[in-house]
Amino acid sequence: AYSRACHARENGGTMGTVEGASLLKSVGAAKYEARDYEGAREAFAQARRIREQTGSLMTQEGAQLLASLGLNRRAYGDFRGALAAFEEARGIHRAIGAAA
């Protein structure tokens, strides 16, 4: 299902939108749950690039993406990378006034 949705967004030129980033985060989460940490990393990285390009990283959804990226990094042993992602997510929460 995610694969079809991604292809539809790519073909329609809408993958580079906030909605596309949300879809990619969901793809990453599904891959993480399946223990496909490399696939999750790729999906989360692409979602992050889109959020940066669209100016939507400094949002609750952006912080959630970074937290997911941190969990994925921790799962494959990149503890420093995980900590950096968690700290960035916490910084966004603080900046937007959300509970961290």
PDB file of N, CA and C in Angstrom:
ATOM      1  N   ALA A   1       0.826  -1.195   0.000  1.00  0.00           N
ATOM      2  CA  ALA A   1       0.000   0.000   0.000  1.00  0.00           C
ATOM      3  C   ALA A   1       0.864   1.250   0.000  1.00  0.00           C
ATOM      4  N   TYR A   2       1.910   1.274   0.861  1.00  0.00           N
ATOM      5  CA  TYR A   2       2.780   2.442   0.895  1.00  0.00           C
ATOM      6  C   TYR A   2       3.512   2.619  -0.425  1.00  0.00           C
ATOM      7  N   SER A   3       3.908   1.507  -1.024  1.00  0.00           N
ATOM      8  CA  SER A   3       4.626   1.573  -2.293  1.00  0.00           C
ATOM      9  C   SER A   3       3.767   2.220  -3.370  1.00  0.00           C
ATOM     10  N   ARG A   4       2.502   1.836  -3.444  1.00  0.00           N
ATOM     11  CA  ARG A   4       1.592   2.430  -4.436  1.00  0.00           C
ATOM     12  C   ARG A   4       1.393   3.913  -4.162  1.00  0.00           C
ATOM     13  N   ALA A   5       1.245   4.271  -2.901  1.00  0.00           N
ATOM     14  CA  ALA A   5       1.044   5.676  -2.542  1.00  0.00           C
ATOM     15  C   ALA A   5       2.280   6.501  -2.889  1.00  0.00           C
ATOM     16  N   CYS A   6       3.455   5.954  -2.639  1.00  0.00           N
ATOM     17  CA  CYS A   6       4.693   6.663  -2.983  1.00  0.00           C
ATOM     18  C   CYS A   6       4.807   6.856  -4.484  1.00  0.00           C
ATOM     19  N   HIS A   7       4.525   5.800  -5.246  1.00  0.00           N
ATOM     20  CA  HIS A   7       4.595   5.912  -6.707  1.00  0.00           C
ATOM     21  C   HIS A   7       3.594   6.934  -7.222  1.00  0.00           C
ATOM     22  N   ALA A   8       2.406   6.947  -6.664  1.00  0.00           N
ATOM     23  CA  ALA A   8       1.391   7.912  -7.094  1.00  0.00           C
ATOM     24  C   ALA A   8       1.860   9.333  -6.814  1.00  0.00           C
ATOM     25  N   ARG A   9       2.452   9.572  -5.650  1.00  0.00           N
ATOM     26  CA  ARG A   9       2.949  10.912  -5.324  1.00  0.00           C
ATOM     27  C   ARG A   9       4.118  11.284  -6.228  1.00  0.00           C
ATOM     28  N   GLU A  10       5.023  10.344  -6.484  1.00  0.00           N
ATOM     29  CA  GLU A  10       6.155  10.628  -7.363  1.00  0.00           C
ATOM     30  C   GLU A  10       5.674  10.955  -8.766  1.00  0.00           C
ATOM     31  N   ASN A  11       4.757  10.142  -9.287  1.00  0.00           N
ATOM     32  CA  ASN A  11       4.237  10.370 -10.637  1.00  0.00           C
ATOM     33  C   ASN A  11       3.443  11.660 -10.728  1.00  0.00           C
ATOM     34  N   GLY A  12       2.776  12.024  -9.658  1.00  0.00           N
ATOM     35  CA  GLY A  12       1.986  13.252  -9.642  1.00  0.00           C
ATOM     36  C   GLY A  12       2.787  14.480  -9.268  1.00  0.00           C
ATOM     37  N   GLY A  13       4.056  14.299  -8.960  1.00  0.00           N
ATOM     38  CA  GLY A  13       4.901  15.428  -8.605  1.00  0.00           C
ATOM     39  C   GLY A  13       4.609  16.007  -7.228  1.00  0.00           C
ATOM     40  N   THR A  14       3.999  15.217  -6.353  1.00  0.00           N
ATOM     41  CA  THR A  14       3.644  15.737  -5.030  1.00  0.00           C
ATOM     42  C   THR A  14       4.430  15.087  -3.892  1.00  0.00           C
ATOM     43  N   MET A  15       5.465  14.336  -4.218  1.00  0.00           N
ATOM     44  CA  MET A  15       6.255  13.710  -3.157  1.00  0.00           C
ATOM     45  C   MET A  15       7.005  14.769  -2.354  1.00  0.00           C
ATOM     46  N   GLY A  16       7.375  15.866  -2.974  1.00  0.00           N
ATOM     47  CA  GLY A  16       8.144  16.904  -2.297  1.00  0.00           C
ATOM     48  C   GLY A  16       7.296  17.861  -1.486  1.00  0.00           C
ATOM     49  N   THR A  17       6.171  17.398  -0.984  1.00  0.00           N
ATOM     50  CA  THR A  17       5.265  18.214  -0.181  1.00  0.00           C
ATOM     51  C   THR A  17       5.269  17.733   1.264  1.00  0.00           C
ATOM     52  N   VAL A  18       4.638  18.510   2.132  1.00  0.00           N
ATOM     53  CA  VAL A  18       4.507  18.093   3.530  1.00  0.00           C
ATOM     54  C   VAL A  18       3.799  16.745   3.610  1.00  0.00           C
ATOM     55  N   GLU A  19       2.790  16.559   2.769  1.00  0.00           N
ATOM     56  CA  GLU A  19       2.070  15.282   2.758  1.00  0.00           C
ATOM     57  C   GLU A  19       2.984  14.143   2.321  1.00  0.00           C
ATOM     58  N   GLY A  20       3.858  14.420   1.347  1.00  0.00           N
ATOM     59  CA  GLY A  20       4.828  13.418   0.918  1.00  0.00           C
ATOM     60  C   GLY A  20       5.782  13.053   2.046  1.00  0.00           C
ATOM     61  N   ALA A  21       6.212  14.064   2.808  1.00  0.00           N
ATOM     62  CA  ALA A  21       7.091  13.808   3.954  1.00  0.00           C
ATOM     63  C   ALA A  21       6.378  12.947   4.994  1.00  0.00           C
ATOM     64  N   SER A  22       5.101  13.212   5.216  1.00  0.00           N
ATOM     65  CA  SER A  22       4.328  12.407   6.172  1.00  0.00           C
ATOM     66  C   SER A  22       4.214  10.965   5.702  1.00  0.00           C
ATOM     67  N   LEU A  23       3.991  10.790   4.407  1.00  0.00           N
ATOM     68  CA  LEU A  23       3.919   9.445   3.848  1.00  0.00           C
ATOM     69  C   LEU A  23       5.250   8.722   4.039  1.00  0.00           C
ATOM     70  N   LEU A  24       6.351   9.404   3.760  1.00  0.00           N
ATOM     71  CA  LEU A  24       7.666   8.785   3.911  1.00  0.00           C
ATOM     72  C   LEU A  24       7.969   8.445   5.367  1.00  0.00           C
ATOM     73  N   LYS A  25       7.514   9.275   6.303  1.00  0.00           N
ATOM     74  CA  LYS A  25       7.691   8.933   7.720  1.00  0.00           C
ATOM     75  C   LYS A  25       6.935   7.648   8.038  1.00  0.00           C
ATOM     76  N   SER A  26       5.731   7.513   7.490  1.00  0.00           N
ATOM     77  CA  SER A  26       4.953   6.287   7.707  1.00  0.00           C
ATOM     78  C   SER A  26       5.648   5.081   7.089  1.00  0.00           C
ATOM     79  N   VAL A  27       6.215   5.266   5.906  1.00  0.00           N
ATOM     80  CA  VAL A  27       6.980   4.189   5.264  1.00  0.00           C
ATOM     81  C   VAL A  27       8.159   3.805   6.159  1.00  0.00           C
ATOM     82  N   GLY A  28       8.873   4.820   6.650  1.00  0.00           N
ATOM     83  CA  GLY A  28      10.000   4.556   7.536  1.00  0.00           C
ATOM     84  C   GLY A  28       9.588   3.818   8.793  1.00  0.00           C
ATOM     85  N   ALA A  29       8.463   4.214   9.373  1.00  0.00           N
ATOM     86  CA  ALA A  29       7.976   3.550  10.587  1.00  0.00           C
ATOM     87  C   ALA A  29       7.639   2.088  10.308  1.00  0.00           C
ATOM     88  N   ALA A  30       7.023   1.821   9.163  1.00  0.00           N
ATOM     89  CA  ALA A  30       6.687   0.440   8.803  1.00  0.00           C
ATOM     90  C   ALA A  30       7.958  -0.385   8.597  1.00  0.00           C
ATOM     91  N   LYS A  31       8.947   0.210   7.953  1.00  0.00           N
ATOM     92  CA  LYS A  31      10.209  -0.498   7.736  1.00  0.00           C
ATOM     93  C   LYS A  31      10.927  -0.738   9.068  1.00  0.00           C
ATOM     94  N   TYR A  32      10.865   0.236   9.960  1.00  0.00           N
ATOM     95  CA  TYR A  32      11.463   0.083  11.291  1.00  0.00           C
ATOM     96  C   TYR A  32      10.812  -1.078  12.032  1.00  0.00           C
ATOM     97  N   GLU A  33       9.496  -1.129  12.007  1.00  0.00           N
ATOM     98  CA  GLU A  33       8.771  -2.216  12.682  1.00  0.00           C
ATOM     99  C   GLU A  33       9.141  -3.575  12.096  1.00  0.00           C
ATOM    100  N   ALA A  34       9.460  -3.597  10.797  1.00  0.00           N
ATOM    101  CA  ALA A  34       9.863  -4.841  10.132  1.00  0.00           C
ATOM    102  C   ALA A  34      11.359  -5.117  10.301  1.00  0.00           C
ATOM    103  N   ARG A  35      12.028  -4.264  11.084  1.00  0.00           N
ATOM    104  CA  ARG A  35      13.466  -4.359  11.334  1.00  0.00           C
ATOM    105  C   ARG A  35      14.308  -4.168  10.081  1.00  0.00           C
ATOM    106  N   ASP A  36      13.755  -3.436   9.118  1.00  0.00           N
ATOM    107  CA  ASP A  36      14.510  -3.019   7.930  1.00  0.00           C
ATOM    108  C   ASP A  36      15.053  -1.627   8.236  1.00  0.00           C
ATOM    109  N   TYR A  37      16.106  -1.588   9.062  1.00  0.00           N
ATOM    110  CA  TYR A  37      16.611  -0.315   9.559  1.00  0.00           C
ATOM    111  C   TYR A  37      17.233   0.538   8.453  1.00  0.00           C
ATOM    112  N   GLU A  38      17.845  -0.086   7.468  1.00  0.00           N
ATOM    113  CA  GLU A  38      18.410   0.682   6.350  1.00  0.00           C
ATOM    114  C   GLU A  38      17.289   1.307   5.524  1.00  0.00           C
ATOM    115  N   GLY A  39      16.251   0.537   5.245  1.00  0.00           N
ATOM    116  CA  GLY A  39      15.105   1.082   4.517  1.00  0.00           C
ATOM    117  C   GLY A  39      14.441   2.208   5.288  1.00  0.00           C
ATOM    118  N   ALA A  40      14.334   2.036   6.602  1.00  0.00           N
ATOM    119  CA  ALA A  40      13.759   3.088   7.448  1.00  0.00           C
ATOM    120  C   ALA A  40      14.631   4.330   7.406  1.00  0.00           C
ATOM    121  N   ARG A  41      15.942   4.139   7.489  1.00  0.00           N
ATOM    122  CA  ARG A  41      16.869   5.277   7.447  1.00  0.00           C
ATOM    123  C   ARG A  41      16.685   6.079   6.175  1.00  0.00           C
ATOM    124  N   GLU A  42      16.584   5.383   5.049  1.00  0.00           N
ATOM    125  CA  GLU A  42      16.409   6.063   3.764  1.00  0.00           C
ATOM    126  C   GLU A  42      15.098   6.844   3.718  1.00  0.00           C
ATOM    127  N   ALA A  43      14.023   6.238   4.181  1.00  0.00           N
ATOM    128  CA  ALA A  43      12.719   6.912   4.167  1.00  0.00           C
ATOM    129  C   ALA A  43      12.724   8.121   5.098  1.00  0.00           C
ATOM    130  N   PHE A  44      13.274   7.961   6.303  1.00  0.00           N
ATOM    131  CA  PHE A  44      13.330   9.080   7.246  1.00  0.00           C
ATOM    132  C   PHE A  44      14.218  10.202   6.708  1.00  0.00           C
ATOM    133  N   ALA A  45      15.339   9.845   6.084  1.00  0.00           N
ATOM    134  CA  ALA A  45      16.238  10.866   5.537  1.00  0.00           C
ATOM    135  C   ALA A  45      15.552  11.650   4.422  1.00  0.00           C
ATOM    136  N   GLN A  46      14.834  10.964   3.567  1.00  0.00           N
ATOM    137  CA  GLN A  46      14.122  11.642   2.485  1.00  0.00           C
ATOM    138  C   GLN A  46      13.019  12.533   3.060  1.00  0.00           C
ATOM    139  N   ALA A  47      12.315  12.045   4.064  1.00  0.00           N
ATOM    140  CA  ALA A  47      11.269  12.847   4.712  1.00  0.00           C
ATOM    141  C   ALA A  47      11.875  14.092   5.346  1.00  0.00           C
ATOM    142  N   ARG A  48      13.036  13.943   5.963  1.00  0.00           N
ATOM    143  CA  ARG A  48      13.698  15.101   6.578  1.00  0.00           C
ATOM    144  C   ARG A  48      14.087  16.129   5.524  1.00  0.00           C
ATOM    145  N   ARG A  49      14.654  15.671   4.408  1.00  0.00           N
ATOM    146  CA  ARG A  49      15.031  16.608   3.334  1.00  0.00           C
ATOM    147  C   ARG A  49      13.816  17.398   2.863  1.00  0.00           C
ATOM    148  N   ILE A  50      12.711  16.706   2.682  1.00  0.00           N
ATOM    149  CA  ILE A  50      11.491  17.380   2.225  1.00  0.00           C
ATOM    150  C   ILE A  50      11.022  18.377   3.275  1.00  0.00           C
ATOM    151  N   ARG A  51      11.029  17.988   4.537  1.00  0.00           N
ATOM    152  CA  ARG A  51      10.602  18.912   5.596  1.00  0.00           C
ATOM    153  C   ARG A  51      11.517  20.133   5.645  1.00  0.00           C
ATOM    154  N   GLU A  52      12.817  19.944   5.445  1.00  0.00           N
ATOM    155  CA  GLU A  52      13.735  21.084   5.413  1.00  0.00           C
ATOM    156  C   GLU A  52      13.425  21.984   4.217  1.00  0.00           C
ATOM    157  N   GLN A  53      13.188  21.384   3.055  1.00  0.00           N
ATOM    158  CA  GLN A  53      12.906  22.152   1.840  1.00  0.00           C
ATOM    159  C   GLN A  53      11.585  22.903   1.914  1.00  0.00           C
ATOM    160  N   THR A  54      10.622  22.353   2.618  1.00  0.00           N
ATOM    161  CA  THR A  54       9.300  22.977   2.708  1.00  0.00           C
ATOM    162  C   THR A  54       9.157  23.852   3.952  1.00  0.00           C
ATOM    163  N   GLY A  55      10.206  23.941   4.754  1.00  0.00           N
ATOM    164  CA  GLY A  55      10.151  24.749   5.961  1.00  0.00           C
ATOM    165  C   GLY A  55       9.246  24.174   7.032  1.00  0.00           C
ATOM    166  N   SER A  56       9.066  22.860   7.015  1.00  0.00           N
ATOM    167  CA  SER A  56       8.138  22.234   7.962  1.00  0.00           C
ATOM    168  C   SER A  56       8.833  21.317   8.974  1.00  0.00           C
ATOM    169  N   LEU A  57      10.152  21.449   9.104  1.00  0.00           N
ATOM    170  CA  LEU A  57      10.846  20.626  10.097  1.00  0.00           C
ATOM    171  C   LEU A  57      10.584  21.140  11.513  1.00  0.00           C
ATOM    172  N   MET A  58      10.448  22.445  11.658  1.00  0.00           N
ATOM    173  CA  MET A  58      10.236  23.056  12.978  1.00  0.00           C
ATOM    174  C   MET A  58       8.764  22.990  13.377  1.00  0.00           C
ATOM    175  N   THR A  59       8.212  21.792  13.349  1.00  0.00           N
ATOM    176  CA  THR A  59       6.816  21.545  13.702  1.00  0.00           C
ATOM    177  C   THR A  59       6.760  20.307  14.585  1.00  0.00           C
ATOM    178  N   GLN A  60       5.598  20.068  15.156  1.00  0.00           N
ATOM    179  CA  GLN A  60       5.396  18.851  15.953  1.00  0.00           C
ATOM    180  C   GLN A  60       5.699  17.613  15.105  1.00  0.00           C
ATOM    181  N   GLU A  61       5.224  17.615  13.857  1.00  0.00           N
ATOM    182  CA  GLU A  61       5.455  16.472  12.965  1.00  0.00           C
ATOM    183  C   GLU A  61       6.936  16.323  12.639  1.00  0.00           C
ATOM    184  N   GLY A  62       7.634  17.445  12.468  1.00  0.00           N
ATOM    185  CA  GLY A  62       9.069  17.394  12.217  1.00  0.00           C
ATOM    186  C   GLY A  62       9.819  16.805  13.401  1.00  0.00           C
ATOM    187  N   ALA A  63       9.430  17.207  14.603  1.00  0.00           N
ATOM    188  CA  ALA A  63      10.058  16.665  15.812  1.00  0.00           C
ATOM    189  C   ALA A  63       9.784  15.167  15.941  1.00  0.00           C
ATOM    190  N   GLN A  64       8.572  14.750  15.601  1.00  0.00           N
ATOM    191  CA  GLN A  64       8.246  13.318  15.650  1.00  0.00           C
ATOM    192  C   GLN A  64       9.091  12.541  14.644  1.00  0.00           C
ATOM    193  N   LEU A  65       9.318  13.124  13.477  1.00  0.00           N
ATOM    194  CA  LEU A  65      10.173  12.492  12.476  1.00  0.00           C
ATOM    195  C   LEU A  65      11.582  12.307  13.034  1.00  0.00           C
ATOM    196  N   LEU A  66      12.118  13.347  13.666  1.00  0.00           N
ATOM    197  CA  LEU A  66      13.467  13.253  14.226  1.00  0.00           C
ATOM    198  C   LEU A  66      13.540  12.226  15.349  1.00  0.00           C
ATOM    199  N   ALA A  67      12.493  12.134  16.159  1.00  0.00           N
ATOM    200  CA  ALA A  67      12.467  11.113  17.210  1.00  0.00           C
ATOM    201  C   ALA A  67      12.468   9.715  16.596  1.00  0.00           C
ATOM    202  N   SER A  68      11.720   9.532  15.525  1.00  0.00           N
ATOM    203  CA  SER A  68      11.711   8.237  14.829  1.00  0.00           C
ATOM    204  C   SER A  68      13.083   7.933  14.250  1.00  0.00           C
ATOM    205  N   LEU A  69      13.715   8.946  13.688  1.00  0.00           N
ATOM    206  CA  LEU A  69      15.067   8.782  13.158  1.00  0.00           C
ATOM    207  C   LEU A  69      16.019   8.377  14.284  1.00  0.00           C
ATOM    208  N   GLY A  70      15.859   8.988  15.451  1.00  0.00           N
ATOM    209  CA  GLY A  70      16.691   8.632  16.602  1.00  0.00           C
ATOM    210  C   GLY A  70      16.500   7.190  17.036  1.00  0.00           C
ATOM    211  N   LEU A  71      15.250   6.748  17.091  1.00  0.00           N
ATOM    212  CA  LEU A  71      14.982   5.348  17.449  1.00  0.00           C
ATOM    213  C   LEU A  71      15.635   4.398  16.455  1.00  0.00           C
ATOM    214  N   ASN A  72      15.544   4.744  15.173  1.00  0.00           N
ATOM    215  CA  ASN A  72      16.128   3.890  14.143  1.00  0.00           C
ATOM    216  C   ASN A  72      17.651   3.850  14.275  1.00  0.00           C
ATOM    217  N   ARG A  73      18.256   5.011  14.500  1.00  0.00           N
ATOM    218  CA  ARG A  73      19.713   5.041  14.663  1.00  0.00           C
ATOM    219  C   ARG A  73      20.135   4.199  15.869  1.00  0.00           C
ATOM    220  N   ARG A  74      19.381   4.310  16.950  1.00  0.00           N
ATOM    221  CA  ARG A  74      19.695   3.519  18.148  1.00  0.00           C
ATOM    222  C   ARG A  74      19.597   2.025  17.841  1.00  0.00           C
ATOM    223  N   ALA A  75      18.613   1.641  17.044  1.00  0.00           N
ATOM    224  CA  ALA A  75      18.395   0.225  16.734  1.00  0.00           C
ATOM    225  C   ALA A  75      19.581  -0.390  16.010  1.00  0.00           C
ATOM    226  N   TYR A  76      20.282   0.389  15.184  1.00  0.00           N
ATOM    227  CA  TYR A  76      21.441  -0.207  14.516  1.00  0.00           C
ATOM    228  C   TYR A  76      22.764   0.251  15.120  1.00  0.00           C
ATOM    229  N   GLY A  77      22.699   0.731  16.367  1.00  0.00           N
ATOM    230  CA  GLY A  77      23.920   0.953  17.130  1.00  0.00           C
ATOM    231  C   GLY A  77      24.578   2.303  16.983  1.00  0.00           C
ATOM    232  N   ASP A  78      23.953   3.245  16.297  1.00  0.00           N
ATOM    233  CA  ASP A  78      24.512   4.593  16.147  1.00  0.00           C
ATOM    234  C   ASP A  78      23.986   5.452  17.300  1.00  0.00           C
ATOM    235  N   PHE A  79      24.593   5.270  18.473  1.00  0.00           N
ATOM    236  CA  PHE A  79      24.087   5.928  19.673  1.00  0.00           C
ATOM    237  C   PHE A  79      24.318   7.435  19.646  1.00  0.00           C
ATOM    238  N   ARG A  80      25.436   7.873  19.109  1.00  0.00           N
ATOM    239  CA  ARG A  80      25.680   9.320  19.003  1.00  0.00           C
ATOM    240  C   ARG A  80      24.694   9.964  18.036  1.00  0.00           C
ATOM    241  N   GLY A  81      24.460   9.305  16.911  1.00  0.00           N
ATOM    242  CA  GLY A  81      23.486   9.818  15.949  1.00  0.00           C
ATOM    243  C   GLY A  81      22.085   9.848  16.536  1.00  0.00           C
ATOM    244  N   ALA A  82      21.763   8.821  17.326  1.00  0.00           N
ATOM    245  CA  ALA A  82      20.452   8.771  17.979  1.00  0.00           C
ATOM    246  C   ALA A  82      20.304   9.930  18.950  1.00  0.00           C
ATOM    247  N   LEU A  83      21.331  10.156  19.764  1.00  0.00           N
ATOM    248  CA  LEU A  83      21.281  11.249  20.729  1.00  0.00           C
ATOM    249  C   LEU A  83      21.126  12.590  20.019  1.00  0.00           C
ATOM    250  N   ALA A  84      21.854  12.781  18.922  1.00  0.00           N
ATOM    251  CA  ALA A  84      21.751  14.036  18.172  1.00  0.00           C
ATOM    252  C   ALA A  84      20.332  14.243  17.644  1.00  0.00           C
ATOM    253  N   ALA A  85      19.723  13.186  17.129  1.00  0.00           N
ATOM    254  CA  ALA A  85      18.355  13.295  16.608  1.00  0.00           C
ATOM    255  C   ALA A  85      17.370  13.591  17.732  1.00  0.00           C
ATOM    256  N   PHE A  86      17.528  12.917  18.879  1.00  0.00           N
ATOM    257  CA  PHE A  86      16.638  13.158  20.019  1.00  0.00           C
ATOM    258  C   PHE A  86      16.789  14.589  20.534  1.00  0.00           C
ATOM    259  N   GLU A  87      18.028  15.069  20.598  1.00  0.00           N
ATOM    260  CA  GLU A  87      18.256  16.438  21.068  1.00  0.00           C
ATOM    261  C   GLU A  87      17.665  17.458  20.104  1.00  0.00           C
ATOM    262  N   GLU A  88      17.781  17.198  18.811  1.00  0.00           N
ATOM    263  CA  GLU A  88      17.192  18.106  17.831  1.00  0.00           C
ATOM    264  C   GLU A  88      15.666  18.116  17.956  1.00  0.00           C
ATOM    265  N   ALA A  89      15.078  16.948  18.152  1.00  0.00           N
ATOM    266  CA  ALA A  89      13.625  16.868  18.346  1.00  0.00           C
ATOM    267  C   ALA A  89      13.212  17.639  19.595  1.00  0.00           C
ATOM    268  N   ARG A  90      13.962  17.475  20.672  1.00  0.00           N
ATOM    269  CA  ARG A  90      13.659  18.202  21.911  1.00  0.00           C
ATOM    270  C   ARG A  90      13.785  19.710  21.704  1.00  0.00           C
ATOM    271  N   GLY A  91      14.794  20.131  20.947  1.00  0.00           N
ATOM    272  CA  GLY A  91      14.961  21.552  20.659  1.00  0.00           C
ATOM    273  C   GLY A  91      13.776  22.122  19.893  1.00  0.00           C
ATOM    274  N   ILE A  92      13.259  21.356  18.961  1.00  0.00           N
ATOM    275  CA  ILE A  92      12.079  21.801  18.214  1.00  0.00           C
ATOM    276  C   ILE A  92      10.885  21.896  19.149  1.00  0.00           C
ATOM    277  N   HIS A  93      10.694  20.896  19.991  1.00  0.00           N
ATOM    278  CA  HIS A  93       9.587  20.936  20.957  1.00  0.00           C
ATOM    279  C   HIS A  93       9.671  22.192  21.815  1.00  0.00           C
ATOM    280  N   ARG A  94      10.858  22.493  22.287  1.00  0.00           N
ATOM    281  CA  ARG A  94      11.030  23.688  23.121  1.00  0.00           C
ATOM    282  C   ARG A  94      10.751  24.952  22.320  1.00  0.00           C
ATOM    283  N   ALA A  95      11.234  24.996  21.084  1.00  0.00           N
ATOM    284  CA  ALA A  95      11.063  26.195  20.257  1.00  0.00           C
ATOM    285  C   ALA A  95       9.602  26.467  19.923  1.00  0.00           C
ATOM    286  N   ILE A  96       8.828  25.409  19.747  1.00  0.00           N
ATOM    287  CA  ILE A  96       7.420  25.607  19.376  1.00  0.00           C
ATOM    288  C   ILE A  96       6.492  25.550  20.582  1.00  0.00           C
ATOM    289  N   GLY A  97       7.065  25.310  21.759  1.00  0.00           N
ATOM    290  CA  GLY A  97       6.259  25.306  22.975  1.00  0.00           C
ATOM    291  C   GLY A  97       5.495  24.029  23.233  1.00  0.00           C
ATOM    292  N   ALA A  98       5.932  22.934  22.626  1.00  0.00           N
ATOM    293  CA  ALA A  98       5.275  21.637  22.843  1.00  0.00           C
ATOM    294  C   ALA A  98       5.956  20.919  24.003  1.00  0.00           C
ATOM    295  N   ALA A  99       5.266  19.984  24.589  1.00  0.00           N
ATOM    296  CA  ALA A  99       5.855  19.174  25.661  1.00  0.00           C
ATOM    297  C   ALA A  99       6.915  18.261  25.070  1.00  0.00           C
ATOM    298  N   ALA A 100       8.078  18.228  25.694  1.00  0.00           N
ATOM    299  CA  ALA A 100       9.172  17.401  25.167  1.00  0.00           C
ATOM    300  C   ALA A 100       9.182  16.036  25.796  1.00  0.00           C
TER     301      ALA A 100
END
